[in-house]
Amino acid sequence: MAAADARVDEVSSSTQHIERRRAQWMAQAQAGDRLAYERVLADSVGLIRAVARRQGVQGALVDDVVQETLLSVHRARHTYDPGRSYNAWLAALATRRAIDALRQQGRRDLRELPELDGVDHPDGADDAAEQSDQDMRARKLHQAIAALPDGQRQAVEAALKEQSLAETSALTGRSPSALKVSLHRALKVLRKHLSGGG
């Protein structure tokens, strides 16, 4: 038991040392030290990746969140208060960028739903027929969304309106993580339904 407690103290001490080092580098960077700035950015990547994964970001999207967060650090570096936790400041930026990435992915997934009728129109198809086809696809999509369970429908409608998870959470009283799960499930159902599988 004593060995386990000693190990916990050692890890805690190491974590505090790393955070103090990052805070020091960031303060030096704010004063114009380019080398300290490069060091703090490089040392921040692991924490950004961990935050992104905790938010549910996966695959190549994690790298996008890292890049966007580093850009946010660059733009907001003057707002960092050296008397406060650097890790908490960075995690707040990374969380926002992760949520943005998930929201964009949800909108992209909605746009990439399969064609409904599977019919390719020849180049000479008249405009009225094309418009009628688009109207039919739109009706089918709206019907499919309307048929979703309430929670999934709310998540899809919020994504289509480009509302943030925080905004949707405030409006619906549901947690951001529950909304993400609902959106993911809804997209699966819509893909299946609209491709003729449902």
Protein backbone atom coordinates (compact mmCIF):
# COMPACT_ATOMS: atom_id res chain seq x y z
CA MET A 1 0.00 0.00 0.00
CA ALA A 2 2.82 2.39 0.90
CA ALA A 3 4.53 1.65 -2.43
CA ALA A 4 1.33 2.47 -4.33
CA ASP A 5 0.93 5.74 -2.40
CA ALA A 6 4.56 6.62 -3.14
CA ARG A 7 3.99 5.96 -6.85
CA VAL A 8 0.87 8.19 -6.87
CA ASP A 9 2.87 10.97 -5.16
CA GLU A 10 5.67 10.54 -7.70
CA VAL A 11 3.25 10.76 -10.67
CA SER A 12 1.51 13.79 -9.12
CA SER A 13 4.83 15.52 -8.54
CA SER A 14 5.92 14.78 -12.12
CA THR A 15 2.64 16.15 -13.50
CA GLN A 16 2.99 19.33 -11.46
CA HIS A 17 6.58 19.74 -12.67
CA ILE A 18 5.48 19.37 -16.32
CA GLU A 19 2.71 21.91 -15.86
CA ARG A 20 5.04 24.40 -14.14
CA ARG A 21 7.53 23.98 -17.00
CA ARG A 22 4.81 24.62 -19.61
CA ALA A 23 3.55 27.68 -17.70
CA GLN A 24 7.10 29.02 -17.47
CA TRP A 25 7.71 28.48 -21.20
CA MET A 26 4.43 30.20 -22.06
CA ALA A 27 5.29 33.19 -19.85
CA GLN A 28 8.69 33.41 -21.58
CA ALA A 29 6.95 33.12 -24.96
CA GLN A 30 4.67 36.01 -24.05
CA ALA A 31 7.83 38.02 -23.36
CA GLY A 32 9.12 37.24 -26.87
CA ASP A 33 11.24 34.11 -26.31
CA ARG A 34 10.78 32.18 -29.56
CA LEU A 35 12.56 29.03 -28.36
CA ALA A 36 10.33 28.82 -25.27
CA TYR A 37 7.30 29.27 -27.54
CA GLU A 38 8.38 26.40 -29.81
CA ARG A 39 8.98 24.23 -26.73
CA VAL A 40 5.57 24.91 -25.17
CA LEU A 41 3.77 24.22 -28.46
CA ALA A 42 5.61 20.93 -29.01
CA ASP A 43 5.05 19.89 -25.39
CA SER A 44 1.33 20.70 -25.64
CA VAL A 45 0.53 18.24 -28.44
CA GLY A 46 0.10 15.21 -26.15
CA LEU A 47 -2.36 17.03 -23.89
CA ILE A 48 -4.36 18.30 -26.89
CA ARG A 49 -4.60 14.77 -28.30
CA ALA A 50 -5.81 13.44 -24.92
CA VAL A 51 -8.48 16.15 -24.67
CA ALA A 52 -9.65 15.52 -28.25
CA ARG A 53 -9.98 11.78 -27.64
CA ARG A 54 -11.87 12.41 -24.39
CA GLN A 55 -14.34 14.50 -26.40
CA GLY A 56 -14.90 11.57 -28.79
CA VAL A 57 -12.69 12.72 -31.67
CA GLN A 58 -11.19 9.80 -33.56
CA GLY A 59 -8.72 9.00 -36.34
CA ALA A 60 -7.27 11.71 -38.55
CA LEU A 61 -9.66 14.24 -37.03
CA VAL A 62 -7.45 14.24 -33.89
CA ASP A 63 -4.62 15.76 -35.96
CA ASP A 64 -7.02 18.43 -37.23
CA VAL A 65 -7.94 19.29 -33.64
CA VAL A 66 -4.24 19.50 -32.72
CA GLN A 67 -3.55 21.91 -35.59
CA GLU A 68 -6.61 24.07 -34.87
CA THR A 69 -5.80 24.19 -31.15
CA LEU A 70 -2.20 25.22 -31.81
CA LEU A 71 -3.53 28.01 -34.06
CA SER A 72 -5.89 29.03 -31.24
CA VAL A 73 -2.96 29.06 -28.79
CA HIS A 74 -1.08 31.33 -31.19
CA ARG A 75 -4.02 33.71 -31.57
CA ALA A 76 -4.89 33.75 -27.85
CA ARG A 77 -1.43 33.48 -26.28
CA HIS A 78 -1.69 37.02 -24.91
CA THR A 79 -4.75 35.96 -22.86
CA TYR A 80 -2.87 33.32 -20.85
CA ASP A 81 -2.36 34.36 -17.21
CA PRO A 82 0.94 32.88 -15.94
CA GLY A 83 -0.53 32.78 -12.44
CA ARG A 84 -3.11 30.23 -13.55
CA SER A 85 -2.96 26.64 -14.78
CA TYR A 86 -1.54 26.37 -18.30
CA ASN A 87 -2.98 22.86 -18.69
CA ALA A 88 -6.51 24.07 -17.83
CA TRP A 89 -6.18 27.01 -20.26
CA LEU A 90 -4.94 24.71 -23.03
CA ALA A 91 -7.58 22.06 -22.29
CA ALA A 92 -10.33 24.69 -22.60
CA LEU A 93 -9.03 25.70 -26.05
CA ALA A 94 -8.64 22.07 -27.14
CA THR A 95 -12.15 21.20 -25.94
CA ARG A 96 -13.65 24.01 -28.04
CA ARG A 97 -11.71 22.95 -31.13
CA ALA A 98 -12.71 19.29 -30.58
CA ILE A 99 -16.39 20.25 -30.34
CA ASP A 100 -16.05 22.35 -33.50
CA ALA A 101 -14.48 19.39 -35.32
CA LEU A 102 -17.24 17.02 -34.21
CA ARG A 103 -19.90 19.50 -35.27
CA GLN A 104 -18.30 19.92 -38.71
CA GLN A 105 -18.00 16.15 -39.07
CA GLY A 106 -21.70 15.76 -38.24
CA ARG A 107 -22.66 18.32 -40.90
CA ARG A 108 -20.34 16.62 -43.42
CA ASP A 109 -21.88 13.23 -42.63
CA LEU A 110 -25.35 14.66 -43.22
CA ARG A 111 -24.28 16.09 -46.58
CA GLU A 112 -22.76 12.76 -47.60
CA LEU A 113 -25.90 10.69 -47.12
CA PRO A 114 -26.37 8.42 -50.16
CA GLU A 115 -28.56 9.41 -53.09
CA LEU A 116 -32.09 8.31 -52.43
CA ASP A 117 -33.23 6.91 -55.73
CA GLY A 118 -29.97 5.66 -57.20
CA VAL A 119 -30.94 7.02 -60.63
CA ASP A 120 -28.40 8.93 -62.67
CA HIS A 121 -29.97 11.50 -64.95
CA PRO A 122 -28.58 11.94 -68.47
CA ASP A 123 -26.91 15.25 -69.21
CA GLY A 124 -29.94 16.35 -71.22
CA ALA A 125 -32.49 15.84 -68.40
CA ASP A 126 -34.83 18.78 -68.29
CA ASP A 127 -34.78 21.21 -65.37
CA ALA A 128 -38.32 20.40 -64.25
CA ALA A 129 -37.51 16.70 -63.87
CA GLU A 130 -34.30 17.51 -62.00
CA GLN A 131 -36.14 19.88 -59.65
CA SER A 132 -38.86 17.27 -59.06
CA ASP A 133 -36.19 14.69 -58.21
CA GLN A 134 -34.50 17.06 -55.76
CA ASP A 135 -37.85 17.84 -54.15
CA MET A 136 -38.58 14.15 -53.74
CA ARG A 137 -35.17 13.52 -52.12
CA ALA A 138 -35.70 16.47 -49.78
CA ARG A 139 -39.16 15.16 -48.78
CA LYS A 140 -37.75 11.70 -48.09
CA LEU A 141 -34.95 13.17 -46.00
CA HIS A 142 -37.39 15.32 -43.99
CA GLN A 143 -39.67 12.33 -43.46
CA ALA A 144 -36.75 10.18 -42.34
CA ILE A 145 -35.61 12.87 -39.88
CA ALA A 146 -39.18 13.31 -38.58
CA ALA A 147 -39.40 9.55 -37.95
CA LEU A 148 -36.30 9.55 -35.70
CA PRO A 149 -36.71 9.28 -31.92
CA ASP A 150 -36.96 12.72 -30.27
CA GLY A 151 -33.37 12.83 -28.99
CA GLN A 152 -31.87 11.83 -32.34
CA ARG A 153 -34.13 14.23 -34.24
CA GLN A 154 -33.09 17.12 -31.96
CA ALA A 155 -29.41 16.33 -32.51
CA VAL A 156 -29.80 16.22 -36.31
CA GLU A 157 -31.87 19.41 -36.45
CA ALA A 158 -29.30 21.22 -34.29
CA ALA A 159 -26.47 20.06 -36.59
CA LEU A 160 -28.40 21.24 -39.66
CA LYS A 161 -28.88 24.66 -38.00
CA GLU A 162 -25.14 24.69 -37.19
CA GLN A 163 -25.83 25.09 -33.47
CA SER A 164 -22.95 24.28 -31.14
CA LEU A 165 -23.21 21.38 -28.71
CA ALA A 166 -23.29 23.89 -25.86
CA GLU A 167 -26.20 25.79 -27.44
CA THR A 168 -28.13 22.59 -28.12
CA SER A 169 -27.40 21.32 -24.62
CA ALA A 170 -28.76 24.55 -23.12
CA LEU A 171 -31.90 24.37 -25.29
CA THR A 172 -32.63 20.68 -24.74
CA GLY A 173 -31.25 20.06 -21.24
CA ARG A 174 -29.22 17.12 -22.59
CA SER A 175 -25.47 16.76 -22.07
CA PRO A 176 -23.11 17.38 -25.02
CA SER A 177 -21.92 13.76 -24.87
CA ALA A 178 -25.53 12.47 -25.05
CA LEU A 179 -26.13 14.75 -28.04
CA LYS A 180 -23.02 13.40 -29.81
CA VAL A 181 -24.18 9.82 -29.27
CA SER A 182 -27.67 10.69 -30.54
CA LEU A 183 -26.27 12.36 -33.67
CA HIS A 184 -24.03 9.39 -34.42
CA ARG A 185 -26.93 6.94 -34.05
CA ALA A 186 -29.24 9.15 -36.11
CA LEU A 187 -26.76 9.32 -38.97
CA LYS A 188 -26.48 5.54 -39.04
CA VAL A 189 -30.28 5.20 -39.15
CA LEU A 190 -30.62 7.85 -41.88
CA ARG A 191 -27.92 6.28 -44.05
CA LYS A 192 -29.62 2.89 -43.77
CA HIS A 193 -33.09 4.30 -44.43
CA LEU A 194 -32.09 6.52 -47.34
CA SER A 195 -30.03 3.86 -49.07
CA GLY A 196 -33.06 1.56 -49.13
CA GLY A 197 -32.09 -0.57 -46.16
CA GLY A 198 -34.79 0.65 -43.82
